[in-house]
Structures are given as C-alpha cells and as structure tokens.
Amino acid sequence: MVVLKAASPPVPSVNKINNGFPCSNGTIKPLITPSPSSFINLDQGDPEVFRSYWRKKSEECTVVINGEDLMSYLSDTSNVCWFMLPELREAIQRLHRVVGNASAGMDKHIVVGTGSTQLFQAALFALSPSDSPIPINVVAASPYYSEYKDEVEILRSGLYRWGGDAREYDKNEEYIEVVTAPNNPCGSIRRAVANCEGEGRVIHDLAYYWPQYTPITQQYDHDLMLFTFSKCTGHAGSRIGWAIVKDIEVARKMTRFIHMSSIGVSKESQTRVAKIIGVICDSYQEIGSSLDPDELFFEYSRRKLRERWEKLRAVVDKSNLFSLAKYSKAYCTFTNHTSESYPAFAWMKCKGSIEDCESYLRNLKVLVRGGKRFGVDQKYARVSLLSGDDVFNEFLTRISNATRNRE
C-alpha cells in the first residue's frame, strides 16, 4: 500500500519540520540556508514558495493506493484520452469552473500529459501537416519562453522547425505561433501577433493564468490551451499537465503522440492531482464559513507573491543598477477586486554600463537566466521568485549590498 500526501507524515516535531521538509520515508531533509559565499539558484522556476501551505494541508491531501490499484494501462476507453482517469478530468473541469480562467466544458476534449512540456510536443505533432514537403515553422514573440526553441529543435523533426520571433515572421508559409499568457519571462498578457500571408495555427500556453499570478480578466476559449499543475499549485514533482482542445482530431493526434512516447501518464500522479484539486475547490465552497483567508490556496499564494514583489520593488527602487517591468491594474473576476499582476518571475534589466545582467548577477553568486535565451538583449535577465524564503531573502540582501557598494 502506498500513501501519498501533499507533504509527508507530520511525525517529527514542529521545530524539526521548520528546519527541513519531510520525505516519503518519514525522515526530514534539512533545508540548506544559503551562506553569503554560496551560489543561489534563481534560474529555474521550482515552486518551493508554496510548500508551507501544503504542509498544513498534509492530512487533507492524503491518498491511499493499494497494491492492486491502478495496474492497467487503460482508464476510460470511451474518452479520446483513454489513459486519463475520469476523476482527474472531472477535477480539472471543476477547477476551471471555480477559477473561471478557461472554458473546459463537455464540448471540449481534455488531454493529460507528463507536464505541459510533453503536451507542447504533442500539440506540435498534432498541428503539423503530415503531407508537407517542408517542416512547418514554429514562432513566438520575443521575449519568448527560453525552452521553446530547444523543445522544437531537440528531436530534429521533419514535421516542424524553429522559425524565430513571431513579430518578424514574414514568410508565405504555414506556421504555428505559441502565445504565452501571462508571458514567461516578462509577465505580460499576450495575443497572437504574427502578420503574414501564411496560414497560422496557435497554441496558447496558459501555465501562469492563475489568480496568484495575474488578475483573471476573462474565461479563455481558445482552440488549444495548455495548463500545468506545477505552476497552478506548486506540485512540480507530480509532472501533470493538461490540454483543453476544441477539435477532436487534434485531441486524438495529441493522445497518439503521448501513447507513442510514454504509453500514457502515471495514474498515481493523476490520483494525487485529482485529490489536491478537490481540496482547493472544496475550500472555496466553504468560503462563507469562518475560514481564515490563508486557508484558501489562491489567497495565500497571491499574498505570498505580492509580499515578494513589494520587497523586491523596494530594493530596486533604491538601486541605480536595475529596473523592473511594471504592470497595470485590472479587475479580477475571481477575486472581484482590482489588482496588479505578481508574476512568478522578475524580468530585470541592468542599467548604465552593465551590458550582461546574467553575468553581473553571477558575480554576486546569483544564478539567473539571461536575455539571450529569451531572444532579447543580454541586459535583461529572468529571476525566479518561486524559491524558498531563505533563498529569496538572501537574493534581496545581495542586490541591496551591490547597490550600496557602487555608490
């Protein structure tokens, strides 16, 4: 029997838990507090920032899987995505109804994948013409997500190829445009921008279109939308993403790709994700009770990111070295309040004579991702705001000290 929890058994003392995080074997893995001489990694978007919330929800998120459970490849042969558990499909539909960020009703087809990375490849496969003598071009407006180019090129596919910046694409050929909203790295809301004579198809990557990152201004209803559990709740290790697809033939081709690449998706992960989504949705049904706002995941996570942005802006405002992207306020249909965005990443620009922001921060022993990876100038760098508190606070200390040292 396997017992899965949002955080592992709360057997150790509170003091021990505060100095580490529980592992599946009941032991505590110590947190490594960064020293002033150590490197801190803010390159990756590993969502440690939400860990403390899920630690409190450990028991509510427990899933028990018996030895004979989940043994078959098959889940629901009446569904296009035959390896997706019905309870996961229902949980995803419920989550989108609660948040109101995407239309996921019975007229849509949901395809589950091992994270949205696999789904992106599946979408490229499904949207590429199979009878074209040349590969279809895949484009995205810069700054675009740094992994798109590598993900397009890694298989050296004869079906598709990287076509560069969507704003500069002017070929009279078919193309696929990837639209990321909110955009990774800069946090802006994007729309398709390619303006050419060729026939275009669009993949909408909505990994960060959740209320902790940005106001929910509308319910999207695009032809093909990608979401990932990693960025929705922070459970990156479960490796679950999903696509909401209008065209049944596109959904079938995506399912075929996942079938051929991994023969489905882990049912243990699907079960855990369905349970955690249920915990989130149940809490919002109890919103009329005396619940503390921090008991509601999106309220907790939005407050956490807002506080980080406020601290970061306070440091940067005193600096003559950096600038940050600014975001206009918008009315959120989920919270019923007007607010600004609090993206998962800070899109920083170095001022003055600093030409390479990534290298400059590396000299401060801060690892970030430079602008060149996103198709823009090296004066820019993407900094993750999803780390644990100790790492984030150390980052603030280092850039604050750097400012003082140059005065």
Protein backbone atom coordinates (compact mmCIF):
# COMPACT_ATOMS: atom_id res chain seq x y z
CA MET A 1 0.00 0.00 0.00
CA VAL A 2 1.24 3.45 -0.94
CA VAL A 3 0.12 6.57 0.92
CA LEU A 4 0.58 9.84 -0.96
CA LYS A 5 0.37 13.18 0.80
CA ALA A 6 0.77 16.82 -0.14
CA ALA A 7 3.56 16.79 2.42
CA SER A 8 4.85 13.67 4.13
CA PRO A 9 3.74 12.40 7.56
CA PRO A 10 3.81 15.10 10.25
CA VAL A 11 5.56 12.79 12.70
CA PRO A 12 8.63 14.93 13.53
CA SER A 13 8.41 17.88 15.86
CA VAL A 14 7.42 21.31 14.58
CA ASN A 15 10.94 22.62 15.18
CA LYS A 16 12.42 19.89 13.00
CA ILE A 17 9.90 20.49 10.24
CA ASN A 18 10.67 24.20 10.25
CA ASN A 19 14.33 23.30 9.64
CA GLY A 20 13.61 20.99 6.73
CA PHE A 21 10.90 19.23 4.79
CA PRO A 22 9.51 15.73 5.28
CA CYS A 23 10.47 12.91 2.91
CA SER A 24 8.33 9.91 1.97
CA ASN A 25 10.24 7.64 4.37
CA GLY A 26 9.35 9.83 7.35
CA THR A 27 12.77 11.45 7.66
CA ILE A 28 13.48 15.17 7.41
CA LYS A 29 15.60 16.57 4.61
CA PRO A 30 17.29 19.65 6.06
CA LEU A 31 16.88 22.98 4.37
CA ILE A 32 20.20 24.41 3.30
CA THR A 33 20.29 28.04 4.39
CA PRO A 34 22.42 29.90 1.84
CA SER A 35 25.59 31.45 3.17
CA PRO A 36 26.96 34.71 1.78
CA SER A 37 29.65 32.74 -0.04
CA SER A 38 27.35 30.17 -1.70
CA PHE A 39 25.60 30.34 -5.05
CA ILE A 40 21.82 30.68 -5.00
CA ASN A 41 19.82 29.32 -7.93
CA LEU A 42 17.08 31.59 -9.24
CA ASP A 43 17.37 30.27 -12.78
CA GLN A 44 14.67 27.62 -12.52
CA GLY A 45 11.02 28.12 -11.62
CA ASP A 46 10.96 25.46 -8.91
CA PRO A 47 7.85 26.40 -6.86
CA GLU A 48 9.16 25.96 -3.31
CA VAL A 49 7.33 29.15 -2.28
CA PHE A 50 4.06 27.23 -1.78
CA ARG A 51 5.47 24.41 0.36
CA SER A 52 4.41 25.85 3.73
CA TYR A 53 0.76 25.99 2.64
CA TRP A 54 0.68 22.35 1.57
CA ARG A 55 2.45 21.25 4.73
CA LYS A 56 -0.62 22.47 6.65
CA LYS A 57 -2.87 20.52 4.27
CA SER A 58 -0.98 17.25 4.54
CA GLU A 59 -3.77 15.13 6.03
CA GLU A 60 -6.49 16.56 3.78
CA CYS A 61 -4.46 15.65 0.71
CA THR A 62 -3.65 12.09 1.71
CA VAL A 63 -4.28 9.47 -0.99
CA VAL A 64 -4.16 5.76 -0.25
CA ILE A 65 -3.22 3.47 -3.16
CA ASN A 66 -3.48 -0.27 -2.54
CA GLY A 67 -1.19 -2.81 -4.15
CA GLU A 68 -3.77 -3.95 -6.70
CA ASP A 69 -4.89 -0.45 -7.70
CA LEU A 70 -4.10 1.35 -10.97
CA MET A 71 -2.45 -1.63 -12.67
CA SER A 72 -3.93 -1.30 -16.16
CA TYR A 73 -2.71 0.96 -18.97
CA LEU A 74 -6.37 1.83 -19.62
CA SER A 75 -8.52 4.30 -17.73
CA ASP A 76 -11.56 5.30 -19.78
CA THR A 77 -11.80 3.81 -23.27
CA SER A 78 -14.90 5.89 -24.01
CA ASN A 79 -12.78 9.04 -23.82
CA VAL A 80 -10.42 10.31 -26.55
CA CYS A 81 -7.64 10.46 -23.94
CA TRP A 82 -8.09 6.85 -22.86
CA PHE A 83 -5.34 6.89 -20.22
CA MET A 84 -6.80 9.83 -18.25
CA LEU A 85 -8.66 8.91 -15.07
CA PRO A 86 -12.29 10.12 -15.09
CA GLU A 87 -11.84 11.67 -11.64
CA LEU A 88 -8.97 13.80 -12.94
CA ARG A 89 -11.00 15.03 -15.90
CA GLU A 90 -13.85 15.95 -13.56
CA ALA A 91 -11.47 17.68 -11.14
CA ILE A 92 -9.90 19.76 -13.94
CA GLN A 93 -13.32 20.82 -15.20
CA ARG A 94 -14.36 21.75 -11.67
CA LEU A 95 -11.18 23.76 -11.07
CA HIS A 96 -11.70 25.83 -14.20
CA ARG A 97 -15.34 26.45 -13.23
CA VAL A 98 -14.23 27.69 -9.79
CA VAL A 99 -11.46 29.95 -11.11
CA GLY A 100 -13.21 30.97 -14.32
CA ASN A 101 -9.98 31.18 -16.33
CA ALA A 102 -10.81 28.75 -19.16
CA SER A 103 -13.76 27.02 -20.74
CA ALA A 104 -13.42 23.29 -20.12
CA GLY A 105 -16.98 22.04 -20.55
CA MET A 106 -18.27 18.82 -22.06
CA ASP A 107 -17.85 20.26 -25.57
CA LYS A 108 -14.06 20.29 -25.06
CA HIS A 109 -11.55 17.45 -25.05
CA ILE A 110 -9.01 17.26 -22.21
CA VAL A 111 -5.70 15.53 -22.86
CA VAL A 112 -3.44 14.81 -19.89
CA GLY A 113 0.35 14.74 -20.27
CA THR A 114 3.54 14.39 -18.27
CA GLY A 115 3.72 18.11 -17.62
CA SER A 116 2.94 20.72 -20.25
CA THR A 117 6.36 20.05 -21.84
CA GLN A 118 5.15 16.74 -23.23
CA LEU A 119 1.85 18.35 -24.23
CA PHE A 120 3.70 21.07 -26.13
CA GLN A 121 5.45 18.40 -28.20
CA ALA A 122 2.14 16.60 -28.66
CA ALA A 123 0.49 19.84 -29.83
CA LEU A 124 3.28 20.47 -32.37
CA PHE A 125 2.83 16.93 -33.67
CA ALA A 126 -0.94 17.32 -33.91
CA LEU A 127 -0.90 20.72 -35.63
CA SER A 128 1.86 19.96 -38.14
CA PRO A 129 0.69 18.92 -41.62
CA SER A 130 1.76 15.35 -42.32
CA ASP A 131 1.93 15.78 -46.10
CA SER A 132 4.01 18.97 -46.37
CA PRO A 133 7.36 18.72 -48.21
CA ILE A 134 8.92 21.15 -45.72
CA PRO A 135 8.63 21.44 -41.91
CA ILE A 136 6.13 23.97 -40.56
CA ASN A 137 7.67 27.00 -38.81
CA VAL A 138 7.10 27.44 -35.06
CA VAL A 139 7.29 31.07 -33.88
CA ALA A 140 6.79 33.06 -30.67
CA ALA A 141 7.06 36.78 -29.93
CA SER A 142 10.20 37.76 -28.03
CA PRO A 143 10.85 37.67 -25.20
CA TYR A 144 9.61 34.11 -25.53
CA TYR A 145 9.90 31.20 -23.09
CA SER A 146 13.53 30.10 -23.20
CA GLU A 147 12.77 26.40 -23.70
CA TYR A 148 10.53 26.71 -26.77
CA LYS A 149 13.41 26.84 -29.26
CA ASP A 150 15.19 23.85 -27.70
CA GLU A 151 11.98 21.84 -27.44
CA VAL A 152 11.26 22.45 -31.12
CA GLU A 153 14.78 21.58 -32.23
CA ILE A 154 15.73 18.69 -29.94
CA LEU A 155 14.01 15.96 -31.99
CA ARG A 156 15.23 17.38 -35.33
CA SER A 157 11.74 16.67 -36.59
CA GLY A 158 10.84 16.71 -40.26
CA LEU A 159 7.40 17.99 -39.28
CA TYR A 160 8.33 21.34 -37.69
CA ARG A 161 11.25 23.71 -37.14
CA TRP A 162 12.01 26.83 -35.14
CA GLY A 163 11.02 29.99 -37.06
CA GLY A 164 12.10 32.66 -34.58
CA ASP A 165 10.36 35.84 -33.45
CA ALA A 166 6.66 35.93 -34.40
CA ARG A 167 6.79 39.71 -34.91
CA GLU A 168 9.42 39.31 -37.62
CA TYR A 169 7.91 36.30 -39.34
CA ASP A 170 7.01 37.26 -42.93
CA LYS A 171 7.16 34.02 -44.91
CA ASN A 172 4.31 32.94 -47.13
CA GLU A 173 4.27 29.55 -45.42
CA GLU A 174 2.18 27.79 -42.82
CA TYR A 175 3.22 28.39 -39.22
CA ILE A 176 2.40 27.58 -35.61
CA GLU A 177 2.50 30.51 -33.18
CA VAL A 178 2.97 29.92 -29.46
CA VAL A 179 1.27 32.55 -27.30
CA THR A 180 2.15 32.57 -23.60
CA ALA A 181 -0.20 34.47 -21.30
CA PRO A 182 0.94 35.67 -18.85
CA ASN A 183 4.22 35.64 -20.67
CA ASN A 184 7.25 33.82 -19.33
CA PRO A 185 9.58 35.70 -18.71
CA CYS A 186 8.06 39.19 -18.59
CA GLY A 187 4.57 38.56 -17.13
CA SER A 188 2.61 40.50 -19.77
CA ILE A 189 -0.65 39.24 -21.26
CA ARG A 190 -0.03 38.22 -24.86
CA ARG A 191 -2.05 37.71 -28.03
CA ALA A 192 -1.09 36.28 -31.41
CA VAL A 193 0.98 38.83 -33.33
CA ALA A 194 2.28 37.06 -36.46
CA ASN A 195 1.18 39.06 -39.52
CA CYS A 196 1.92 37.24 -42.73
CA GLU A 197 0.21 35.58 -45.67
CA GLY A 198 0.76 32.03 -44.45
CA GLU A 199 -1.93 30.05 -42.65
CA GLY A 200 -1.37 30.13 -38.92
CA ARG A 201 -2.32 27.85 -36.03
CA VAL A 202 -1.98 28.89 -32.41
CA ILE A 203 -1.00 27.13 -29.20
CA HIS A 204 -1.99 29.12 -26.09
CA ASP A 205 0.33 28.32 -23.19
CA LEU A 206 -1.59 29.43 -20.09
CA ALA A 207 0.68 27.90 -17.45
CA TYR A 208 0.56 31.07 -15.32
CA TYR A 209 -3.03 32.14 -15.93
CA TRP A 210 -4.00 31.56 -12.31
CA PRO A 211 -5.15 34.22 -9.80
CA GLN A 212 -1.99 34.21 -7.67
CA TYR A 213 -0.01 35.49 -10.67
CA THR A 214 -2.41 37.73 -12.56
CA PRO A 215 -5.99 39.04 -12.46
CA ILE A 216 -8.41 36.68 -14.20
CA THR A 217 -9.95 39.09 -16.68
CA GLN A 218 -11.80 36.63 -18.91
CA GLN A 219 -12.59 32.98 -19.45
CA TYR A 220 -10.39 31.91 -22.35
CA ASP A 221 -11.91 29.71 -25.02
CA HIS A 222 -9.09 29.14 -27.48
CA ASP A 223 -8.74 26.18 -29.82
CA LEU A 224 -5.81 24.67 -27.90
CA MET A 225 -4.83 25.70 -24.37
CA LEU A 226 -2.05 24.24 -22.21
CA PHE A 227 -2.00 24.20 -18.39
CA THR A 228 0.37 22.67 -15.86
CA PHE A 229 -0.21 21.56 -12.29
CA SER A 230 3.35 22.62 -11.45
CA LYS A 231 2.53 26.31 -11.69
CA CYS A 232 -1.11 26.05 -10.60
CA THR A 233 -0.37 24.60 -7.14
CA GLY A 234 3.40 24.17 -6.95
CA HIS A 235 3.42 20.36 -7.23
CA ALA A 236 6.08 20.24 -9.93
CA GLY A 237 7.21 16.75 -8.96
CA SER A 238 3.86 15.19 -9.87
CA ARG A 239 4.55 16.01 -13.55
CA ILE A 240 0.97 16.56 -14.66
CA GLY A 241 -0.26 18.97 -17.30
CA TRP A 242 -3.37 19.11 -19.41
CA ALA A 243 -4.54 20.50 -22.73
CA ILE A 244 -8.05 21.75 -23.41
CA VAL A 245 -8.77 21.14 -27.09
CA LYS A 246 -11.77 22.01 -29.27
CA ASP A 247 -11.04 19.84 -32.32
CA ILE A 248 -11.45 16.13 -31.63
CA GLU A 249 -8.97 15.21 -34.37
CA VAL A 250 -6.29 17.40 -32.78
CA ALA A 251 -7.04 15.78 -29.41
CA ARG A 252 -6.72 12.32 -30.97
CA LYS A 253 -3.35 13.17 -32.53
CA MET A 254 -2.08 14.57 -29.23
CA THR A 255 -3.23 11.41 -27.45
CA ARG A 256 -1.47 9.33 -30.11
CA PHE A 257 1.80 11.21 -29.51
CA ILE A 258 1.64 10.60 -25.75
CA HIS A 259 0.70 6.97 -26.39
CA MET A 260 3.79 6.50 -28.56
CA SER A 261 6.17 8.43 -26.28
CA SER A 262 5.15 7.15 -22.84
CA ILE A 263 2.06 4.90 -23.24
CA GLY A 264 0.03 7.22 -21.05
CA VAL A 265 0.62 9.18 -17.87
CA SER A 266 1.23 7.95 -14.32
CA LYS A 267 -2.07 7.09 -12.64
CA GLU A 268 -0.54 7.62 -9.21
CA SER A 269 0.19 11.22 -10.18
CA GLN A 270 -3.27 11.64 -11.70
CA THR A 271 -4.87 10.36 -8.49
CA ARG A 272 -2.85 12.73 -6.33
CA VAL A 273 -3.60 15.72 -8.57
CA ALA A 274 -7.34 14.98 -8.57
CA LYS A 275 -7.30 14.83 -4.76
CA ILE A 276 -5.40 18.12 -4.33
CA ILE A 277 -7.62 19.92 -6.84
CA GLY A 278 -10.61 18.66 -4.85
CA VAL A 279 -9.15 20.11 -1.64
CA ILE A 280 -8.74 23.51 -3.33
CA CYS A 281 -12.24 23.54 -4.79
CA ASP A 282 -13.85 22.31 -1.56
CA SER A 283 -12.25 25.19 0.37
CA TYR A 284 -13.89 27.73 -1.95
CA GLN A 285 -17.27 26.10 -1.48
CA GLU A 286 -16.80 26.73 2.25
CA ILE A 287 -15.89 30.37 1.70
CA GLY A 288 -18.98 31.55 3.56
CA SER A 289 -17.73 29.95 6.76
CA SER A 290 -15.21 31.45 9.18
CA LEU A 291 -12.23 30.30 7.11
CA ASP A 292 -9.03 32.25 7.52
CA PRO A 293 -8.09 33.70 4.08
CA ASP A 294 -4.78 31.85 4.33
CA GLU A 295 -6.77 28.61 4.30
CA LEU A 296 -7.68 29.40 0.67
CA PHE A 297 -4.82 28.45 -1.61
CA PHE A 298 -5.07 31.21 -4.19
CA GLU A 299 -5.44 33.87 -1.49
CA TYR A 300 -2.42 32.52 0.39
CA SER A 301 -0.24 32.20 -2.70
CA ARG A 302 -1.26 35.60 -4.06
CA ARG A 303 -0.40 37.26 -0.74
CA LYS A 304 2.94 35.47 -0.72
CA LEU A 305 3.85 36.67 -4.20
CA ARG A 306 2.55 40.19 -3.55
CA GLU A 307 4.79 40.47 -0.49
CA ARG A 308 7.78 39.31 -2.51
CA TRP A 309 7.12 41.81 -5.27
CA GLU A 310 6.73 44.62 -2.75
CA LYS A 311 10.05 43.75 -1.11
CA LEU A 312 11.83 43.42 -4.44
CA ARG A 313 10.47 46.71 -5.78
CA ALA A 314 11.51 48.49 -2.57
CA VAL A 315 15.10 47.30 -3.07
CA VAL A 316 15.18 48.00 -6.81
CA ASP A 317 13.65 51.48 -6.37
CA LYS A 318 16.66 52.43 -4.26
CA SER A 319 19.02 50.98 -6.83
CA ASN A 320 20.80 52.63 -9.72
CA LEU A 321 21.63 49.23 -11.15
CA PHE A 322 18.32 47.56 -12.05
CA SER A 323 14.82 48.22 -13.31
CA LEU A 324 11.72 46.01 -13.26
CA ALA A 325 8.75 45.57 -15.56
CA LYS A 326 5.60 47.37 -14.40
CA TYR A 327 2.05 46.07 -14.66
CA SER A 328 -1.23 47.91 -14.95
CA LYS A 329 -4.11 47.04 -12.65
CA ALA A 330 -7.11 45.05 -13.86
CA TYR A 331 -10.36 43.75 -12.44
CA CYS A 332 -10.17 40.09 -11.46
CA THR A 333 -13.40 38.14 -11.92
CA PHE A 334 -12.17 35.50 -9.47
CA THR A 335 -11.41 37.80 -6.51
CA ASN A 336 -13.88 40.54 -7.51
CA HIS A 337 -11.13 43.09 -6.86
CA THR A 338 -8.91 45.29 -8.98
CA SER A 339 -5.23 44.46 -8.60
CA GLU A 340 -1.95 44.23 -10.46
CA SER A 341 -0.04 41.15 -11.55
CA TYR A 342 2.52 39.38 -9.38
CA PRO A 343 4.36 37.15 -11.87
CA ALA A 344 6.38 34.11 -10.94
CA PHE A 345 9.48 35.73 -12.44
CA ALA A 346 11.01 39.18 -12.24
CA TRP A 347 12.11 40.46 -15.65
CA MET A 348 15.07 42.57 -14.61
CA LYS A 349 17.07 44.99 -16.74
CA CYS A 350 20.52 46.23 -15.82
CA LYS A 351 21.10 49.96 -16.12
CA GLY A 352 24.05 52.01 -17.32
CA SER A 353 27.29 50.31 -18.27
CA ILE A 354 26.23 46.80 -17.23
CA GLU A 355 25.74 45.02 -20.57
CA ASP A 356 25.24 41.45 -19.33
CA CYS A 357 22.77 41.16 -16.45
CA GLU A 358 23.19 37.39 -16.12
CA SER A 359 26.97 37.69 -15.75
CA TYR A 360 26.69 40.60 -13.35
CA LEU A 361 24.35 38.65 -11.07
CA ARG A 362 26.55 35.58 -11.38
CA ASN A 363 29.39 37.65 -9.94
CA LEU A 364 27.07 38.14 -6.96
CA LYS A 365 26.73 34.33 -6.89
CA VAL A 366 23.12 34.53 -8.08
CA LEU A 367 22.23 32.16 -10.94
CA VAL A 368 19.58 33.57 -13.30
CA ARG A 369 18.63 33.13 -16.96
CA GLY A 370 19.96 35.73 -19.39
CA GLY A 371 18.01 37.62 -22.02
CA LYS A 372 19.67 35.86 -24.95
CA ARG A 373 17.83 32.65 -24.04
CA PHE A 374 14.57 34.56 -24.50
CA GLY A 375 15.52 36.10 -27.82
CA VAL A 376 16.41 39.57 -26.50
CA ASP A 377 19.30 41.71 -25.20
CA GLN A 378 21.66 40.41 -22.51
CA LYS A 379 20.90 43.50 -20.42
CA TYR A 380 17.80 41.54 -19.37
CA ALA A 381 17.60 38.54 -17.07
CA ARG A 382 14.80 36.41 -15.66
CA VAL A 383 14.85 35.92 -11.89
CA SER A 384 12.63 33.29 -10.25
CA LEU A 385 10.50 34.48 -7.34
CA LEU A 386 9.34 30.95 -6.52
CA SER A 387 12.22 29.87 -4.29
CA GLY A 388 12.10 29.23 -0.55
CA ASP A 389 12.10 32.22 1.80
CA ASP A 390 15.77 31.92 2.80
CA VAL A 391 16.95 31.98 -0.81
CA PHE A 392 14.69 34.89 -1.74
CA ASN A 393 15.78 36.96 1.26
CA GLU A 394 19.44 36.25 0.51
CA PHE A 395 18.87 37.48 -3.05
CA LEU A 396 17.43 40.75 -1.75
CA THR A 397 20.43 41.16 0.55
CA ARG A 398 22.90 40.64 -2.27
CA ILE A 399 21.39 43.10 -4.74
CA SER A 400 20.90 45.64 -1.96
CA ASN A 401 24.56 45.30 -0.97
CA ALA A 402 25.62 45.56 -4.62
CA THR A 403 23.78 48.87 -4.89
CA ARG A 404 25.46 50.27 -1.79
CA ASN A 405 28.90 49.09 -2.92
CA ARG A 406 28.62 51.03 -6.21
CA GLU A 407 27.50 54.28 -4.60
